[in-house]
């Protein structure tokens, strides 16, 4: 398996986990656009931290890099996708009254 295929699989899995979480726990979603955007900002900050962690893990060993992908990058990507879903849901809800 090439690195590109592995990264695509991790991203696709994170997106599926985010959709599942969104549907499984609808009450966990924020109620205001401001709080949803705050979640998005925090999620993309978590992605930055995950990227730094993955870089350091990859420098040490392949095993550490694989472990960092599962334990650090996958949750950060899932949170980013989930936050994006929350933002899109609230923007769509706010546009229902327009027009």
Protein backbone atom coordinates (compact mmCIF):
# COMPACT_ATOMS: atom_id res chain seq x y z
CA UNK A 1 0.00 0.00 0.00
CA UNK A 2 1.42 3.36 -0.98
CA UNK A 3 1.42 6.38 1.29
CA UNK A 4 -1.13 8.17 -0.90
CA UNK A 5 -3.57 5.27 -0.66
CA UNK A 6 -3.13 5.08 3.11
CA UNK A 7 -3.74 8.81 3.52
CA UNK A 8 -6.84 8.62 1.32
CA UNK A 9 -8.15 5.66 3.33
CA UNK A 10 -7.57 7.48 6.63
CA UNK A 11 -9.34 10.60 5.29
CA UNK A 12 -12.27 8.57 3.95
CA UNK A 13 -12.55 6.68 7.23
CA UNK A 14 -12.50 9.95 9.18
CA UNK A 15 -15.27 11.35 6.97
CA UNK A 16 -17.38 8.23 7.54
CA UNK A 17 -16.81 8.42 11.29
CA UNK A 18 -17.83 12.09 11.24
CA UNK A 19 -21.06 11.38 9.36
CA UNK A 20 -21.82 8.49 11.70
CA UNK A 21 -21.19 10.70 14.77
CA UNK A 22 -23.32 13.47 13.26
CA UNK A 23 -26.24 11.10 12.74
CA UNK A 24 -25.74 9.10 15.95
CA UNK A 25 -25.56 12.07 18.34
CA UNK A 26 -27.56 14.95 16.82
CA UNK A 27 -27.83 16.64 20.22
CA UNK A 28 -24.06 17.12 20.36
CA UNK A 29 -24.18 19.70 17.57
CA UNK A 30 -23.80 23.35 18.53
CA UNK A 31 -26.91 25.54 18.35
CA UNK A 32 -25.37 28.78 17.14
CA UNK A 33 -23.23 29.63 14.15
CA UNK A 34 -20.64 31.26 16.42
CA UNK A 35 -20.14 28.11 18.47
CA UNK A 36 -20.01 25.97 15.32
CA UNK A 37 -17.33 28.23 13.85
CA UNK A 38 -15.44 28.03 17.14
CA UNK A 39 -15.53 24.23 16.85
CA UNK A 40 -14.22 24.52 13.28
CA UNK A 41 -11.36 26.76 14.41
CA UNK A 42 -10.49 24.33 17.22
CA UNK A 43 -10.68 21.38 14.83
CA UNK A 44 -8.29 22.94 12.36
CA UNK A 45 -5.98 23.82 15.24
CA UNK A 46 -6.11 20.15 16.22
CA UNK A 47 -5.16 19.28 12.64
CA UNK A 48 -2.10 21.52 12.91
CA UNK A 49 -1.05 19.82 16.15
CA UNK A 50 -1.68 16.39 14.57
CA UNK A 51 0.51 17.29 11.60
CA UNK A 52 3.34 18.30 13.91
CA UNK A 53 2.91 15.11 15.93
CA UNK A 54 2.86 12.97 12.80
CA UNK A 55 6.03 14.63 11.53
CA UNK A 56 7.85 13.93 14.77
CA UNK A 57 6.56 10.36 14.90
CA UNK A 58 7.58 9.72 11.29
CA UNK A 59 11.07 10.94 12.08
CA UNK A 60 11.45 8.37 14.83
CA UNK A 61 10.12 5.15 13.23
CA UNK A 62 7.56 3.69 10.86
CA UNK A 63 5.70 2.07 13.75
CA UNK A 64 5.41 5.41 15.56
CA UNK A 65 4.13 7.04 12.37
CA UNK A 66 1.44 4.38 11.93
CA UNK A 67 0.46 4.72 15.58
CA UNK A 68 0.27 8.51 15.24
CA UNK A 69 -1.94 8.16 12.16
CA UNK A 70 -4.48 6.09 14.08
CA UNK A 71 -4.27 7.76 17.50
CA UNK A 72 -3.69 11.41 16.54
CA UNK A 73 -4.49 12.15 12.90
CA UNK A 74 -7.69 10.09 12.59
CA UNK A 75 -9.44 11.75 15.57
CA UNK A 76 -8.32 15.22 14.47
CA UNK A 77 -9.59 14.66 10.92
CA UNK A 78 -12.85 13.23 12.24
CA UNK A 79 -13.37 16.30 14.43
CA UNK A 80 -12.59 18.60 11.49
CA UNK A 81 -15.12 16.85 9.26
CA UNK A 82 -17.71 16.86 12.05
CA UNK A 83 -17.19 20.56 12.72
CA UNK A 84 -17.58 21.25 9.00
CA UNK A 85 -20.87 19.33 9.00
CA UNK A 86 -22.10 21.38 11.95
CA UNK A 87 -21.20 24.67 10.23
CA UNK A 88 -22.88 23.60 6.98
CA UNK A 89 -26.02 22.49 8.85
CA UNK A 90 -26.36 25.80 10.67
CA UNK A 91 -25.66 27.87 7.54
CA UNK A 92 -28.28 25.85 5.64
CA UNK A 93 -30.77 26.34 8.46
CA UNK A 94 -30.15 30.09 8.48
CA UNK A 95 -30.70 30.26 4.71
CA UNK A 96 -34.10 28.54 4.86
CA UNK A 97 -35.81 31.79 5.79
CA UNK A 98 -34.04 33.79 3.07
CA UNK A 99 -35.61 34.12 -0.35
